[in-house]
Amino acid sequence: MKKFLMLSAAAATLAFSSCKKESAPATEAAADTFGPVKTNAVDYVQSNLPKKTLQGNYSTNLSLSNDTVYVLKGIVAVDNATMTIEAGTVIIGEVDANNKPGTLVICRHATVQAVGTASAPIIFTSGKLLDGNTFTTAAPGDFGGVILLGQAPCNVANKTIEGLDAIEPFDNRFGGSVANHSSGTLKYVRIEFGGYILSANNEVNGLTLGGVGSGTTLDHIEVAYGKDDSFEFFGGTVNATYLVSIAPDDDNFDFDNGYTGTIQYGLAIADAYATHSASSGNSDSNGIESDNNAPAEDANYAITPKTHPKLKNFTIIGAPALNSWSAPGYLYAARIRRGSEIDFENSIILGYPQGLVFDATTQDFVTNNVSVVKNNVLTAFQTSISPTSLNNKADANGNKRNVWAANGNSYARLTQPFLNNSNVQVNPINTSASPATAGGWGAFNTQSRPFWGNTTWMKYYY
């Protein structure tokens, strides 16, 4: 039976309690809660619409309207043209004769204009949710994913995007020298049950962005229940706002090959029952993972531009307690490695064995102020920030740290942040008792909540 929990972040103001309780997490009610759990198994209403199959490569402009469900059969690429997708349009995937799942590729000489609304998002999803059969259930990998390529700088030239064959009948390379290049707009878009593992470390993510420039608009996008990462940025300069990652089998947010954009307001919620299908039995699943480059590209991780995401107002959520993780489990709320730099500010991490972790090639960037870790709640089951030699630096920069293995929300004190927590509704809004509330930290502060939109565009499945 399909179950889903609708997210709601209405403009109503949170009714804060006037009393702080220091001994246990607060559970105060919120006027803008994230909705009740529903257990009905109704498919999308669009399952009654006619279906049209798209297959192969398109080099002329293409318009998709919301009176039709579009079926991507195998890899569908748009090159030297524009794809326009009307608000409320639903797109599903179908495996082709080569066993490739329905996947949309917008090449670096093409654009997409996918502008949904809060009440009529554009949805890429499993065909099992539009087959008119309430007994079929969706699963990660039912849809391939969305791949957006651009001409902005990367630290490896003319690289082919991961998840596709090295040689394709279309241009699958990304990057260039146009920092402000535009690949179009993705706004109020939901990508569900995506992912495809071509080979080890070569997968299609929910949303893959290769060399995407700052002229591109990414706003209000959710990626849910993917077979690999939710979002992966390979180089590029694109900025983004209001990104949501729900229960991927690998990382929520992944950065590589010189990505240098700014993302503000990001939410990542892990699923304690994820299969970690992309990890081959060895967990490498994190809330955030950031690398400058792969070892084969440069063993010293020094090629430029350096990967340096600027992340502000994120909320990264793991599991309720250390023993609730399934094997092999998640590791890090944020893993900054292989020469990557980062700005991480005004954010909250909780519910992971380890919090914000830097390896030997990245920790000096924090000490020398190349990477900025400022004004965050950093809490974990075992280590809040690693190595612990960075503790004094973190404390001096206004971060608040805590370790508590028995209760993942003991310090951050969000309303109810955990997915699959005995079917209690999810609500990641800070309570008045949270140390993040006074500073307006995290994804859901008083300034951002009205801009998250209504209940329709985001959804949790479990």
Protein backbone atom coordinates (compact mmCIF):
# COMPACT_ATOMS: atom_id res chain seq x y z
CA MET A 1 0.00 0.00 0.00
CA LYS A 2 1.35 3.42 -0.89
CA LYS A 3 1.57 5.80 2.01
CA PHE A 4 2.42 9.43 1.78
CA LEU A 5 2.84 12.41 4.02
CA MET A 6 2.21 15.81 2.54
CA LEU A 7 4.51 18.62 3.54
CA SER A 8 2.98 21.96 4.39
CA ALA A 9 4.80 25.20 5.09
CA ALA A 10 2.07 27.80 5.02
CA ALA A 11 2.61 31.44 5.79
CA ALA A 12 1.07 31.16 9.24
CA THR A 13 3.39 32.09 12.08
CA LEU A 14 4.61 29.36 14.42
CA ALA A 15 3.01 29.63 17.85
CA PHE A 16 6.05 29.48 20.10
CA SER A 17 5.79 28.47 23.72
CA SER A 18 7.01 30.99 26.23
CA CYS A 19 8.65 28.31 28.37
CA LYS A 20 11.89 26.53 27.49
CA LYS A 21 12.40 22.98 28.68
CA GLU A 22 16.05 22.04 28.89
CA SER A 23 15.67 18.38 29.89
CA ALA A 24 13.95 17.07 26.75
CA PRO A 25 13.18 18.18 23.19
CA ALA A 26 10.16 20.42 22.90
CA THR A 27 7.18 19.09 20.95
CA GLU A 28 5.02 22.17 20.72
CA ALA A 29 2.28 22.37 18.12
CA ALA A 30 2.83 24.49 15.06
CA ALA A 31 0.23 26.41 13.09
CA ASP A 32 2.13 25.59 9.93
CA THR A 33 2.59 21.86 10.51
CA PHE A 34 3.67 19.48 7.79
CA GLY A 35 0.40 17.63 7.46
CA PRO A 36 -1.15 14.38 8.67
CA VAL A 37 -0.09 10.91 7.63
CA LYS A 38 -2.34 9.44 4.93
CA THR A 39 -2.61 5.74 4.16
CA ASN A 40 -4.76 5.71 1.04
CA ALA A 41 -3.29 4.18 -2.13
CA VAL A 42 -4.73 6.50 -4.74
CA ASP A 43 -2.65 7.10 -7.86
CA TYR A 44 -2.16 10.57 -9.25
CA VAL A 45 -5.35 11.92 -10.76
CA GLN A 46 -3.47 12.42 -14.03
CA SER A 47 -3.50 8.63 -14.52
CA ASN A 48 -6.71 9.16 -16.51
CA LEU A 49 -5.02 11.46 -19.02
CA PRO A 50 -3.84 10.28 -22.43
CA LYS A 51 -0.17 9.28 -22.63
CA LYS A 52 2.38 10.29 -25.24
CA THR A 53 5.76 8.60 -25.64
CA LEU A 54 8.96 10.58 -26.19
CA GLN A 55 11.99 8.63 -27.40
CA GLY A 56 15.41 9.44 -28.79
CA ASN A 57 16.93 12.84 -29.52
CA TYR A 58 15.17 16.13 -30.20
CA SER A 59 16.81 19.09 -31.98
CA THR A 60 13.69 21.23 -32.48
CA ASN A 61 11.67 23.03 -29.82
CA LEU A 62 9.34 20.82 -27.85
CA SER A 63 6.37 21.81 -25.65
CA LEU A 64 4.78 19.55 -23.03
CA SER A 65 1.28 20.40 -21.80
CA ASN A 66 -0.52 19.32 -18.64
CA ASP A 67 -3.40 17.65 -20.48
CA THR A 68 -1.10 14.72 -21.34
CA VAL A 69 1.15 12.38 -19.36
CA TYR A 70 4.52 12.06 -21.11
CA VAL A 71 6.40 8.78 -21.14
CA LEU A 72 10.18 9.01 -21.58
CA LYS A 73 11.25 5.75 -23.17
CA GLY A 74 14.92 5.30 -22.43
CA ILE A 75 17.31 8.26 -22.64
CA VAL A 76 15.59 11.31 -24.15
CA ALA A 77 17.98 14.14 -25.06
CA VAL A 78 17.26 17.72 -26.13
CA ASP A 79 20.08 19.48 -27.99
CA ASN A 80 20.18 22.86 -29.79
CA ALA A 81 16.55 23.40 -28.83
CA THR A 82 14.27 24.37 -25.94
CA MET A 83 11.92 22.09 -24.05
CA THR A 84 9.01 23.96 -22.42
CA ILE A 85 7.00 22.15 -19.74
CA GLU A 86 3.68 23.54 -18.57
CA ALA A 87 2.83 23.78 -14.87
CA GLY A 88 1.07 20.65 -13.59
CA THR A 89 2.57 18.33 -16.22
CA VAL A 90 3.44 14.78 -15.13
CA ILE A 91 6.28 12.86 -16.78
CA ILE A 92 7.08 9.18 -16.22
CA GLY A 93 9.76 6.82 -17.41
CA GLU A 94 9.78 3.54 -19.30
CA VAL A 95 12.69 1.17 -19.86
CA ASP A 96 13.75 0.86 -23.49
CA ALA A 97 15.08 -2.14 -25.42
CA ASN A 98 18.59 -1.44 -24.07
CA ASN A 99 17.33 -1.57 -20.48
CA LYS A 100 17.82 2.17 -20.02
CA PRO A 101 15.19 3.86 -17.84
CA GLY A 102 13.31 6.97 -18.88
CA THR A 103 15.74 9.85 -18.37
CA LEU A 104 15.67 13.46 -19.54
CA VAL A 105 18.93 15.06 -20.70
CA ILE A 106 19.08 18.78 -21.49
CA CYS A 107 22.36 19.17 -23.37
CA ARG A 108 24.69 22.13 -22.91
CA HIS A 109 23.50 23.81 -26.12
CA ALA A 110 19.84 23.42 -25.15
CA THR A 111 17.54 24.91 -22.50
CA VAL A 112 14.55 23.84 -20.47
CA GLN A 113 11.72 26.05 -19.26
CA ALA A 114 9.97 23.98 -16.59
CA VAL A 115 8.02 26.48 -14.51
CA GLY A 116 5.52 24.92 -12.17
CA THR A 117 3.63 26.55 -9.33
CA ALA A 118 3.14 25.71 -5.67
CA SER A 119 -0.29 24.25 -6.43
CA ALA A 120 0.64 22.76 -9.82
CA PRO A 121 4.21 21.45 -9.67
CA ILE A 122 5.85 19.66 -12.57
CA ILE A 123 6.33 16.03 -11.53
CA PHE A 124 8.78 13.41 -12.80
CA THR A 125 7.75 10.13 -11.21
CA SER A 126 7.21 6.39 -11.36
CA GLY A 127 4.82 5.01 -13.94
CA LYS A 128 3.35 2.85 -11.18
CA LEU A 129 1.73 5.95 -9.73
CA LEU A 130 -0.12 6.58 -12.98
CA ASP A 131 -1.18 3.09 -14.02
CA GLY A 132 -4.64 3.25 -12.45
CA ASN A 133 -3.76 0.27 -10.26
CA THR A 134 -3.76 1.03 -6.54
CA PHE A 135 -1.95 -2.23 -5.74
CA THR A 136 1.26 -1.29 -7.56
CA THR A 137 3.84 0.63 -5.56
CA ALA A 138 6.64 2.89 -6.66
CA ALA A 139 10.31 2.16 -5.94
CA PRO A 140 13.66 3.92 -6.43
CA GLY A 141 14.83 3.45 -10.00
CA ASP A 142 11.39 3.45 -11.61
CA PHE A 143 12.31 6.76 -13.26
CA GLY A 144 15.82 7.49 -14.52
CA GLY A 145 16.40 11.11 -13.58
CA VAL A 146 16.86 14.62 -14.94
CA ILE A 147 20.30 15.68 -16.26
CA LEU A 148 20.95 19.35 -16.91
CA LEU A 149 24.20 20.29 -18.68
CA GLY A 150 25.72 23.72 -19.24
CA GLN A 151 28.73 25.74 -20.37
CA ALA A 152 30.02 27.13 -17.05
CA PRO A 153 33.56 26.49 -15.73
CA CYS A 154 34.57 23.11 -14.28
CA ASN A 155 37.98 21.85 -13.20
CA VAL A 156 38.04 19.00 -15.73
CA ALA A 157 37.47 20.02 -19.35
CA ASN A 158 34.95 18.33 -21.65
CA LYS A 159 34.09 15.62 -19.18
CA THR A 160 31.15 13.37 -20.04
CA ILE A 161 28.40 13.35 -17.44
CA GLU A 162 28.16 10.31 -15.20
CA GLY A 163 25.35 7.83 -15.58
CA LEU A 164 25.42 7.84 -19.38
CA ASP A 165 27.54 5.79 -21.76
CA ALA A 166 30.84 7.40 -22.74
CA ILE A 167 29.64 7.62 -26.34
CA GLU A 168 26.04 8.73 -26.88
CA PRO A 169 24.22 9.89 -30.02
CA PHE A 170 24.09 13.38 -28.48
CA ASP A 171 26.51 15.74 -26.72
CA ASN A 172 26.82 14.38 -23.17
CA ARG A 173 29.75 16.61 -22.22
CA PHE A 174 29.51 19.55 -19.83
CA GLY A 175 31.37 22.72 -18.93
CA GLY A 176 32.97 25.63 -20.72
CA SER A 177 33.99 29.21 -19.99
CA VAL A 178 30.63 30.99 -19.71
CA ALA A 179 30.10 31.49 -15.97
CA ASN A 180 26.70 33.15 -16.43
CA HIS A 181 25.45 30.63 -18.98
CA SER A 182 21.74 29.77 -18.77
CA SER A 183 20.36 26.27 -19.14
CA GLY A 184 16.86 27.58 -18.45
CA THR A 185 14.58 27.26 -15.42
CA LEU A 186 13.46 24.51 -13.08
CA LYS A 187 10.91 25.92 -10.64
CA TYR A 188 8.40 24.03 -8.50
CA VAL A 189 9.59 20.67 -9.81
CA ARG A 190 9.41 17.29 -8.08
CA ILE A 191 11.54 14.28 -9.12
CA GLU A 192 10.54 11.00 -7.50
CA PHE A 193 11.78 7.39 -7.52
CA GLY A 194 14.66 8.14 -9.86
CA GLY A 195 18.17 6.78 -10.21
CA TYR A 196 20.00 4.33 -12.38
CA ILE A 197 23.30 2.53 -11.74
CA LEU A 198 25.16 2.19 -15.03
CA SER A 199 28.27 0.82 -13.29
CA ALA A 200 30.16 1.29 -10.02
CA ASN A 201 30.47 5.02 -9.24
CA ASN A 202 28.66 5.84 -12.46
CA GLU A 203 25.03 6.53 -11.73
CA VAL A 204 22.15 8.76 -12.79
CA ASN A 205 21.03 10.88 -9.83
CA GLY A 206 17.63 12.40 -9.23
CA LEU A 207 18.86 15.75 -10.53
CA THR A 208 22.34 15.86 -12.05
CA LEU A 209 23.85 19.25 -12.92
CA GLY A 210 27.01 19.39 -15.02
CA GLY A 211 28.66 22.76 -15.68
CA VAL A 212 25.39 24.62 -15.14
CA GLY A 213 25.84 28.41 -15.12
CA SER A 214 24.56 31.19 -12.90
CA GLY A 215 22.07 32.33 -15.54
CA THR A 216 20.03 29.21 -14.75
CA THR A 217 17.17 29.32 -12.23
CA LEU A 218 16.79 26.44 -9.74
CA ASP A 219 14.03 27.16 -7.25
CA HIS A 220 11.66 24.99 -5.20
CA ILE A 221 12.84 21.55 -6.31
CA GLU A 222 12.30 18.31 -4.43
CA VAL A 223 14.04 15.01 -5.17
CA ALA A 224 12.54 12.07 -3.28
CA TYR A 225 13.42 8.38 -2.94
CA GLY A 226 16.20 8.15 -5.48
CA LYS A 227 18.44 5.16 -6.09
CA ASP A 228 21.59 7.31 -5.87
CA ASP A 229 22.14 10.97 -4.85
CA SER A 230 19.26 13.42 -4.83
CA PHE A 231 21.28 16.38 -6.15
CA GLU A 232 24.78 16.22 -7.63
CA PHE A 233 26.62 19.28 -8.93
CA PHE A 234 29.59 18.69 -11.24
CA GLY A 235 31.29 22.07 -11.52
CA GLY A 236 29.34 25.09 -12.62
CA THR A 237 28.28 28.32 -10.96
CA VAL A 238 24.51 27.91 -10.66
CA ASN A 239 22.77 29.23 -7.56
CA ALA A 240 19.66 27.66 -6.07
CA THR A 241 16.98 28.24 -3.46
CA TYR A 242 14.56 25.94 -1.65
CA LEU A 243 15.92 22.50 -2.45
CA VAL A 244 14.50 19.41 -0.74
CA SER A 245 16.04 15.94 -0.61
CA ILE A 246 14.04 13.08 0.83
CA ALA A 247 15.39 9.58 1.52
CA PRO A 248 17.99 8.97 -1.18
CA ASP A 249 19.88 5.69 -1.25
CA ASP A 250 23.14 7.67 -1.33
CA ASP A 251 23.96 11.34 -0.63
CA ASN A 252 21.41 14.12 -0.34
CA PHE A 253 23.69 16.79 -1.82
CA ASP A 254 26.94 15.99 -3.65
CA PHE A 255 29.45 18.51 -5.07
CA ASP A 256 32.38 17.83 -7.44
CA ASN A 257 34.67 19.25 -10.14
CA GLY A 258 34.77 22.88 -9.09
CA TYR A 259 31.17 23.80 -8.22
CA THR A 260 31.17 27.35 -6.80
CA GLY A 261 27.52 28.41 -6.50
CA THR A 262 25.38 29.47 -3.53
CA ILE A 263 22.43 27.44 -2.26
CA GLN A 264 20.14 28.93 0.35
CA TYR A 265 17.37 27.04 2.13
CA GLY A 266 18.01 23.34 1.75
CA LEU A 267 16.30 20.47 3.53
CA ALA A 268 17.66 16.91 3.63
CA ILE A 269 15.86 14.09 5.43
CA ALA A 270 17.37 10.62 5.57
CA ASP A 271 15.48 7.33 5.75
CA ALA A 272 16.75 4.88 8.37
CA TYR A 273 15.52 2.04 6.15
CA ALA A 274 17.33 3.08 2.97
CA THR A 275 18.97 0.20 1.10
CA HIS A 276 22.15 2.14 0.15
CA SER A 277 21.86 0.45 -3.21
CA ALA A 278 24.63 2.53 -4.79
CA SER A 279 27.16 1.70 -2.08
CA SER A 280 27.78 -1.97 -2.94
CA GLY A 281 27.43 -2.99 0.70
CA ASN A 282 29.89 -0.35 1.91
CA SER A 283 28.09 2.68 3.23
CA ASP A 284 29.13 5.96 1.68
CA SER A 285 25.84 7.75 2.23
CA ASN A 286 25.98 11.25 3.65
CA GLY A 287 23.81 14.31 4.06
CA ILE A 288 26.40 16.36 2.16
CA GLU A 289 29.47 15.09 0.32
CA SER A 290 31.91 17.48 -1.32
CA ASP A 291 35.04 16.63 -3.34
CA ASN A 292 37.27 18.85 -5.44
CA ASN A 293 37.84 16.01 -7.90
CA ALA A 294 38.26 12.25 -8.20
CA PRO A 295 41.70 10.81 -7.37
CA ALA A 296 42.22 9.68 -10.98
CA GLU A 297 41.77 13.28 -12.16
CA ASP A 298 44.35 14.72 -9.75
CA ALA A 299 45.79 12.79 -6.81
CA ASN A 300 46.68 16.08 -5.08
CA TYR A 301 43.13 17.46 -5.38
CA ALA A 302 44.52 20.84 -6.41
CA ILE A 303 43.00 21.50 -9.84
CA THR A 304 41.00 24.69 -10.21
CA PRO A 305 38.45 26.11 -9.92
CA LYS A 306 38.22 24.50 -6.50
CA THR A 307 34.93 23.00 -5.42
CA HIS A 308 33.54 25.57 -2.99
CA PRO A 309 29.77 25.38 -2.41
CA LYS A 310 28.31 28.17 -0.31
CA LEU A 311 25.49 26.62 1.71
CA LYS A 312 23.25 28.76 3.89
CA ASN A 313 20.21 27.89 5.98
CA PHE A 314 20.32 24.13 5.56
CA THR A 315 18.64 21.57 7.79
CA ILE A 316 20.26 18.12 7.51
CA ILE A 317 18.32 15.38 9.36
CA GLY A 318 19.33 11.79 10.06
CA ALA A 319 17.79 9.21 12.41
CA PRO A 320 16.20 9.44 15.88
CA ALA A 321 18.97 7.43 17.60
CA LEU A 322 22.25 5.74 16.76
CA ASN A 323 20.78 2.23 16.91
CA SER A 324 17.97 3.08 14.47
CA TRP A 325 20.29 3.05 11.44
CA SER A 326 20.08 0.00 9.24
CA ALA A 327 23.31 -1.70 8.12
CA PRO A 328 25.46 -0.49 6.53
CA GLY A 329 23.91 2.83 7.52
CA TYR A 330 24.78 6.45 7.03
CA LEU A 331 28.05 7.99 8.19
CA TYR A 332 28.34 11.77 8.03
CA ALA A 333 25.93 14.67 8.07
CA ALA A 334 28.49 16.54 5.96
CA ARG A 335 31.72 15.06 4.58
CA ILE A 336 34.17 17.58 3.13
CA ARG A 337 37.06 15.72 1.53
CA ARG A 338 39.51 15.48 -1.40
CA GLY A 339 40.58 19.11 -1.41
CA SER A 340 37.11 20.65 -1.34
CA GLU A 341 36.45 24.00 0.26
CA ILE A 342 33.06 25.02 1.67
CA ASP A 343 31.05 27.78 3.30
CA PHE A 344 28.51 26.31 5.72
CA GLU A 345 26.51 28.91 7.60
CA ASN A 346 23.30 29.40 9.61
CA SER A 347 22.43 25.71 9.36
CA ILE A 348 21.47 22.69 11.47
CA ILE A 349 22.72 19.10 11.34
CA LEU A 350 21.48 16.28 13.53
CA GLY A 351 20.89 12.55 13.70
CA TYR A 352 24.08 11.22 12.08
CA PRO A 353 26.88 9.23 13.74
CA GLN A 354 29.29 12.05 12.85
CA GLY A 355 28.44 15.66 12.09
CA LEU A 356 30.62 17.99 10.04
CA VAL A 357 33.76 16.07 9.03
CA PHE A 358 36.89 17.32 7.25
CA ASP A 359 39.65 15.02 5.98
CA ALA A 360 43.39 15.67 6.00
CA THR A 361 43.20 17.55 2.69
CA THR A 362 40.47 19.97 3.80
CA GLN A 363 40.80 20.72 7.53
CA ASP A 364 43.49 23.38 7.03
CA PHE A 365 41.03 25.35 4.90
CA VAL A 366 38.90 25.82 8.04
CA THR A 367 41.88 26.87 10.15
CA ASN A 368 43.03 29.36 7.49
CA ASN A 369 39.53 30.77 6.86
CA VAL A 370 39.38 29.53 3.25
CA SER A 371 36.38 27.46 4.32
CA VAL A 372 33.82 29.18 6.55
CA VAL A 373 31.92 27.25 9.23
CA LYS A 374 29.86 29.85 11.04
CA ASN A 375 26.70 30.05 13.14
CA ASN A 376 25.49 26.46 12.94
CA VAL A 377 24.01 23.87 15.27
CA LEU A 378 26.33 20.86 14.90
CA THR A 379 25.06 17.80 16.72
CA ALA A 380 25.66 14.09 16.21
CA PHE A 381 25.70 10.74 17.98
CA GLN A 382 29.49 10.41 18.21
CA THR A 383 31.38 13.50 17.01
CA SER A 384 29.86 16.90 16.21
CA ILE A 385 32.85 18.25 14.25
CA SER A 386 35.91 16.34 13.13
CA PRO A 387 38.81 16.51 13.66
CA THR A 388 38.29 17.72 17.22
CA SER A 389 41.25 20.05 16.77
CA LEU A 390 38.74 22.30 14.99
CA ASN A 391 36.53 22.60 18.10
CA ASN A 392 38.01 25.90 19.26
CA LYS A 393 37.75 27.36 15.78
CA ALA A 394 34.12 26.25 15.50
CA ASP A 395 33.24 27.66 18.90
CA ALA A 396 34.86 31.00 18.10
CA ASN A 397 32.75 31.27 14.93
CA GLY A 398 29.45 31.02 16.78
CA ASN A 399 28.75 27.33 16.20
CA LYS A 400 26.88 25.39 18.87
CA ARG A 401 28.02 21.77 19.32
CA ASN A 402 26.57 18.75 21.07
CA VAL A 403 26.96 14.94 21.12
CA TRP A 404 24.10 12.70 22.33
CA ALA A 405 23.83 9.10 21.11
CA ALA A 406 20.45 8.27 22.63
CA ASN A 407 18.36 11.02 21.05
CA GLY A 408 19.14 12.62 17.71
CA ASN A 409 16.92 15.63 18.45
CA SER A 410 18.03 16.21 22.04
CA TYR A 411 19.94 19.38 21.26
CA ALA A 412 18.67 20.75 17.94
CA ARG A 413 15.07 20.55 19.21
CA LEU A 414 13.12 20.60 15.98
CA THR A 415 9.39 19.89 16.21
CA GLN A 416 9.52 16.31 14.78
CA PRO A 417 12.24 15.93 12.18
CA PHE A 418 12.41 12.19 11.55
CA LEU A 419 11.02 10.19 8.64
CA ASN A 420 9.70 6.70 9.45
CA ASN A 421 9.43 7.59 13.11
CA SER A 422 6.40 5.41 13.94
CA ASN A 423 4.37 7.31 11.34
CA VAL A 424 4.40 10.52 13.37
CA GLN A 425 4.03 13.51 11.10
CA VAL A 426 7.28 15.12 9.99
CA ASN A 427 7.82 18.72 11.01
CA PRO A 428 11.41 20.04 10.78
CA ILE A 429 10.58 23.56 11.99
CA ASN A 430 12.69 24.80 14.91
CA THR A 431 10.92 25.00 18.24
CA SER A 432 11.38 28.01 20.49
CA ALA A 433 13.71 25.85 22.62
CA SER A 434 16.08 25.23 19.71
CA PRO A 435 19.48 26.95 19.92
CA ALA A 436 18.99 27.72 16.22
CA THR A 437 15.82 29.76 16.66
CA ALA A 438 17.22 33.03 18.00
CA GLY A 439 19.65 33.38 15.11
CA GLY A 440 17.18 32.35 12.42
CA TRP A 441 19.30 29.32 11.51
CA GLY A 442 18.14 26.32 9.50
CA ALA A 443 15.87 25.98 6.49
CA PHE A 444 12.71 27.06 8.28
CA ASN A 445 13.18 30.39 10.00
CA THR A 446 10.52 33.06 10.32
CA GLN A 447 11.74 34.77 7.16
CA SER A 448 11.78 31.69 4.92
CA ARG A 449 8.63 29.82 5.96
CA PRO A 450 6.17 31.90 3.94
CA PHE A 451 8.25 31.29 0.81
CA TRP A 452 8.26 27.50 1.00
CA GLY A 453 4.80 27.43 -0.56
CA ASN A 454 1.66 25.41 0.14
CA THR A 455 1.14 21.68 0.68
CA THR A 456 1.07 20.51 -2.92
CA TRP A 457 4.56 20.73 -4.36
CA MET A 458 6.39 18.67 -1.70
CA LYS A 459 5.60 15.12 -0.63
CA TYR A 460 7.02 12.34 1.52
CA TYR A 461 6.50 8.70 0.62
CA TYR A 462 7.19 5.74 2.87
